[in-house]
Amino acid sequence: ALGEMEEVGYVRLYADIDMSGVTGKSCIIQKLTGEFDGNGHTISNLELKSTPGTYTTTNNTGFISELSGTVKKLRLSNVTVKEGIGRNNNIGLLASVITTGESAVIDNCIAEGEIINSSKDSYINLGAFVGQMSGTISDITTLTVKNSITNVNITKGTYSTGNESSFIGGIVGIAKSYSIINVDKCAVFGEMSGSSYNNGGVGGILGAFWLGSGAELNLSDSYLGGKISGSRARGIGW
């Protein structure tokens, strides 16, 4: 029912939901503007299918495609993205992107699952919670993540192509210009492996962070416990 709505305001769960058998969807909620209160419940066994973008268009994949509100007290268990990943994709198990100029919050949430990217295409952003966020000089985008855990295995094929540039993050895949990220009392587990080619990045918190372009990271009281590998792997971010 939520998938039929262009925009969702307030949602509260009163039971666990098993999404087994729901396939072929790139997202469940198109846009969340208010609050998704998981109320301590779990959404499990959701298999999302991505769709490649083009040179001029970007496609989003995640439980929520576009987040501009708050998600709290929600556990996503055994959520996977394995099919259809390609050029110009933003993929996050909880939210694909944060709406430009908005302030989003992820509080007391858990994401568990797997993202497997075997594509040889470029500009693919993979995050355990969020795929991509960016703002403008007049509309700064803010994301606050607190009291939360990610345990997501994210893998990227190892190969060498001239234009490959993909980013993998334990919380956010990539934070572009005029973005503020606040991470407090979070833990990142799961294994993240990037390409051996020199034009991508893997980070325990952020796959890539455009420092110097109006971007800001505030990180406190958090723990990184997953294995990170790749020629451009960093504990916090590239």
Protein backbone atom coordinates (compact mmCIF):
# COMPACT_ATOMS: atom_id res chain seq x y z
CA ALA A 1 0.00 0.00 0.00
CA LEU A 2 2.82 2.42 0.83
CA GLY A 3 4.44 1.63 -2.50
CA GLU A 4 1.45 3.08 -4.31
CA MET A 5 1.94 6.49 -2.69
CA GLU A 6 4.26 9.14 -4.11
CA GLU A 7 4.89 10.59 -0.66
CA VAL A 8 4.49 9.14 2.83
CA GLY A 9 4.13 11.18 6.02
CA TYR A 10 3.84 9.26 9.29
CA VAL A 11 4.11 5.48 9.65
CA ARG A 12 4.23 3.33 12.79
CA LEU A 13 4.71 -0.43 12.84
CA TYR A 14 2.76 -2.64 15.24
CA ALA A 15 4.22 -5.99 14.12
CA ASP A 16 7.20 -7.53 12.39
CA ILE A 17 6.87 -7.82 8.62
CA ASP A 18 8.35 -10.67 6.57
CA MET A 19 8.89 -9.48 2.99
CA SER A 20 9.75 -12.91 1.58
CA GLY A 21 8.39 -13.27 -1.94
CA VAL A 22 8.30 -9.53 -2.61
CA THR A 23 10.69 -9.12 -5.56
CA GLY A 24 11.36 -6.79 -8.46
CA LYS A 25 11.00 -3.55 -6.50
CA SER A 26 13.69 -0.89 -6.28
CA CYS A 27 12.06 0.63 -3.20
CA ILE A 28 9.07 0.19 -0.90
CA ILE A 29 8.50 3.85 -0.01
CA GLN A 30 9.04 6.43 -2.75
CA LYS A 31 9.54 9.41 -0.46
CA LEU A 32 9.32 9.74 3.32
CA THR A 33 8.79 13.30 4.52
CA GLY A 34 7.62 12.76 8.08
CA GLU A 35 8.49 9.89 10.40
CA PHE A 36 8.78 6.12 10.11
CA ASP A 37 8.54 4.72 13.62
CA GLY A 38 9.56 1.07 13.59
CA ASN A 39 8.35 0.82 17.18
CA GLY A 40 11.05 -1.80 17.85
CA HIS A 41 9.88 -4.11 15.06
CA THR A 42 11.74 -5.82 12.20
CA ILE A 43 11.25 -5.82 8.44
CA SER A 44 13.00 -8.91 7.11
CA ASN A 45 13.88 -10.85 3.95
CA LEU A 46 13.40 -8.00 1.51
CA GLU A 47 15.14 -8.43 -1.84
CA LEU A 48 15.43 -5.17 -3.79
CA LYS A 49 16.23 -5.01 -7.49
CA SER A 50 18.18 -2.09 -8.88
CA THR A 51 18.00 -0.59 -12.37
CA PRO A 52 20.98 1.09 -14.08
CA GLY A 53 20.78 4.76 -14.82
CA THR A 54 22.17 6.46 -17.90
CA TYR A 55 24.81 9.11 -18.56
CA THR A 56 22.25 11.78 -17.65
CA THR A 57 19.86 10.06 -15.22
CA THR A 58 20.34 8.43 -11.83
CA ASN A 59 18.34 5.55 -10.40
CA ASN A 60 17.82 4.95 -6.69
CA THR A 61 17.47 1.72 -4.75
CA GLY A 62 16.61 1.32 -1.06
CA PHE A 63 13.79 0.58 1.38
CA ILE A 64 13.07 4.31 1.11
CA SER A 65 14.05 5.92 -2.19
CA GLU A 66 14.20 9.51 -0.92
CA LEU A 67 14.38 10.43 2.78
CA SER A 68 13.70 13.89 4.18
CA GLY A 69 12.26 12.88 7.55
CA THR A 70 13.08 10.58 10.47
CA VAL A 71 13.41 6.81 10.73
CA LYS A 72 13.62 5.42 14.24
CA LYS A 73 13.47 2.13 16.18
CA LEU A 74 13.51 0.05 13.00
CA ARG A 75 15.46 -3.09 12.21
CA LEU A 76 16.03 -4.19 8.62
CA SER A 77 17.12 -7.83 8.62
CA ASN A 78 18.43 -9.84 5.65
CA VAL A 79 17.80 -7.08 3.13
CA THR A 80 19.69 -7.65 -0.13
CA VAL A 81 20.46 -5.91 -3.40
CA LYS A 82 22.09 -8.19 -5.95
CA GLU A 83 20.40 -7.62 -9.30
CA GLY A 84 20.36 -4.78 -11.81
CA ILE A 85 23.15 -2.64 -10.36
CA GLY A 86 24.78 -0.43 -12.97
CA ARG A 87 25.81 3.06 -14.03
CA ASN A 88 24.61 6.02 -11.95
CA ASN A 89 23.03 4.04 -9.11
CA ASN A 90 22.58 5.22 -5.52
CA ILE A 91 21.97 2.26 -3.25
CA GLY A 92 21.35 2.27 0.51
CA LEU A 93 19.51 -0.46 2.39
CA LEU A 94 17.54 2.05 4.45
CA ALA A 95 17.45 5.06 2.12
CA SER A 96 18.85 5.61 -1.34
CA VAL A 97 19.29 9.39 -1.07
CA ILE A 98 18.66 12.23 1.38
CA THR A 99 16.53 14.94 -0.18
CA THR A 100 18.59 18.00 -1.14
CA GLY A 101 18.26 20.80 1.39
CA GLU A 102 16.49 18.68 4.00
CA SER A 103 17.49 17.41 7.46
CA ALA A 104 17.06 13.65 7.89
CA VAL A 105 17.51 11.57 11.04
CA ILE A 106 18.23 7.86 11.54
CA ASP A 107 17.88 6.99 15.22
CA ASN A 108 18.11 3.63 16.98
CA CYS A 109 18.05 1.63 13.75
CA ILE A 110 19.76 -1.55 12.58
CA ALA A 111 20.51 -2.55 9.00
CA GLU A 112 21.62 -6.11 8.25
CA GLY A 113 22.06 -7.59 4.80
CA GLU A 114 24.16 -7.64 1.67
CA ILE A 115 24.85 -5.57 -1.44
CA ILE A 116 26.70 -7.30 -4.25
CA ASN A 117 27.79 -5.13 -7.15
CA SER A 118 29.24 -7.09 -10.06
CA SER A 119 28.76 -4.29 -12.59
CA LYS A 120 31.69 -2.79 -14.49
CA ASP A 121 29.89 0.54 -14.81
CA SER A 122 30.79 3.82 -13.14
CA TYR A 123 29.34 6.18 -10.55
CA ILE A 124 27.76 3.62 -8.25
CA ASN A 125 27.36 4.69 -4.61
CA LEU A 126 26.73 1.95 -2.07
CA GLY A 127 25.96 2.63 1.60
CA ALA A 128 24.75 0.39 4.40
CA PHE A 129 22.23 3.03 5.50
CA VAL A 130 22.29 5.69 2.74
CA GLY A 131 23.62 5.67 -0.82
CA GLN A 132 24.18 9.36 -1.52
CA MET A 133 23.55 12.85 -0.20
CA SER A 134 24.38 16.28 -1.56
CA GLY A 135 23.29 19.87 -1.14
CA THR A 136 23.77 23.32 -2.59
CA ILE A 137 25.25 26.51 -1.20
CA SER A 138 21.73 27.76 -0.45
CA ASP A 139 20.23 24.38 0.53
CA ILE A 140 22.57 22.42 2.79
CA THR A 141 21.63 18.77 3.30
CA THR A 142 21.98 17.31 6.80
CA LEU A 143 21.93 13.71 8.02
CA THR A 144 22.09 12.71 11.69
CA VAL A 145 22.71 9.04 12.50
CA LYS A 146 22.72 8.05 16.17
CA ASN A 147 22.41 4.99 18.41
CA SER A 148 22.45 2.77 15.32
CA ILE A 149 24.20 -0.30 13.89
CA THR A 150 25.00 -1.50 10.38
CA ASN A 151 26.05 -5.05 9.66
CA VAL A 152 26.05 -5.14 5.87
CA ASN A 153 28.46 -6.95 3.57
CA ILE A 154 29.13 -4.75 0.54
CA THR A 155 31.29 -6.08 -2.27
CA LYS A 156 32.56 -4.60 -5.50
CA GLY A 157 34.09 -6.67 -8.26
CA THR A 158 37.84 -6.42 -8.76
CA TYR A 159 38.75 -5.32 -12.26
CA SER A 160 40.42 -2.47 -14.09
CA THR A 161 38.52 -0.17 -16.41
CA GLY A 162 39.32 3.37 -17.39
CA ASN A 163 36.24 5.05 -15.95
CA GLU A 164 35.28 2.94 -12.97
CA SER A 165 34.49 5.11 -9.93
CA SER A 166 32.32 3.61 -7.21
CA PHE A 167 32.17 4.30 -3.50
CA ILE A 168 31.26 2.04 -0.58
CA GLY A 169 30.51 3.25 2.96
CA GLY A 170 29.55 1.59 6.22
CA ILE A 171 26.96 4.32 6.79
CA VAL A 172 26.86 6.54 3.65
CA GLY A 173 28.19 5.71 0.19
CA ILE A 174 29.08 9.28 -0.78
CA ALA A 175 28.53 12.74 0.73
CA LYS A 176 28.90 15.45 -1.87
CA SER A 177 28.97 19.24 -1.72
CA TYR A 178 27.26 21.16 1.08
CA SER A 179 26.45 18.09 3.16
CA ILE A 180 26.63 17.82 6.94
CA ILE A 181 26.79 14.37 8.54
CA ASN A 182 26.51 13.83 12.30
CA VAL A 183 27.33 10.31 13.50
CA ASP A 184 27.07 9.57 17.23
CA LYS A 185 27.09 6.31 19.18
CA CYS A 186 27.02 4.06 16.12
CA ALA A 187 28.71 0.76 15.27
CA VAL A 188 29.68 -0.52 11.82
CA PHE A 189 30.22 -4.23 11.17
CA GLY A 190 30.14 -6.28 7.98
CA GLU A 191 32.83 -6.63 5.34
CA MET A 192 33.31 -3.99 2.65
CA SER A 193 35.56 -4.64 -0.32
CA GLY A 194 36.25 -2.24 -3.16
CA SER A 195 37.87 -2.42 -6.53
CA SER A 196 41.64 -2.59 -6.89
CA TYR A 197 41.38 0.19 -9.47
CA ASN A 198 42.44 3.65 -8.28
CA ASN A 199 39.25 5.58 -8.91
CA GLY A 200 36.89 4.29 -6.22
CA GLY A 201 36.82 4.37 -2.45
CA VAL A 202 35.83 2.31 0.59
CA GLY A 203 35.28 3.81 4.05
CA GLY A 204 34.09 2.55 7.39
CA ILE A 205 31.79 5.56 7.70
CA LEU A 206 31.81 7.17 4.22
CA GLY A 207 32.90 5.79 0.88
CA ALA A 208 33.76 9.32 -0.25
CA PHE A 209 33.55 12.69 1.44
CA TRP A 210 33.98 15.88 -0.57
CA LEU A 211 35.83 17.83 2.08
CA GLY A 212 36.50 21.41 1.00
CA SER A 213 33.25 21.68 -0.93
CA GLY A 214 31.05 22.73 1.94
CA ALA A 215 30.91 19.22 3.40
CA GLU A 216 31.27 18.49 7.12
CA LEU A 217 31.53 15.34 9.23
CA ASN A 218 30.99 15.24 13.00
CA LEU A 219 31.89 11.78 14.34
CA SER A 220 31.77 10.77 18.00
CA ASP A 221 31.63 7.71 20.28
CA SER A 222 31.40 5.24 17.39
CA TYR A 223 32.96 1.87 16.60
CA LEU A 224 34.24 0.24 13.42
CA GLY A 225 34.44 -3.54 13.64
CA GLY A 226 34.17 -4.72 10.03
CA LYS A 227 36.89 -5.66 7.58
CA ILE A 228 37.65 -3.09 4.88
CA SER A 229 39.69 -3.91 1.79
CA GLY A 230 40.63 -2.33 -1.53
CA SER A 231 43.41 -0.12 -2.81
CA ARG A 232 41.58 3.00 -1.57
CA ALA A 233 40.22 1.72 1.74
CA ARG A 234 40.05 4.06 4.73
CA GLY A 235 38.81 3.68 8.29
CA ILE A 236 36.54 6.72 8.18
CA GLY A 237 36.33 7.62 4.48
CA TRP A 238 38.10 8.61 1.31
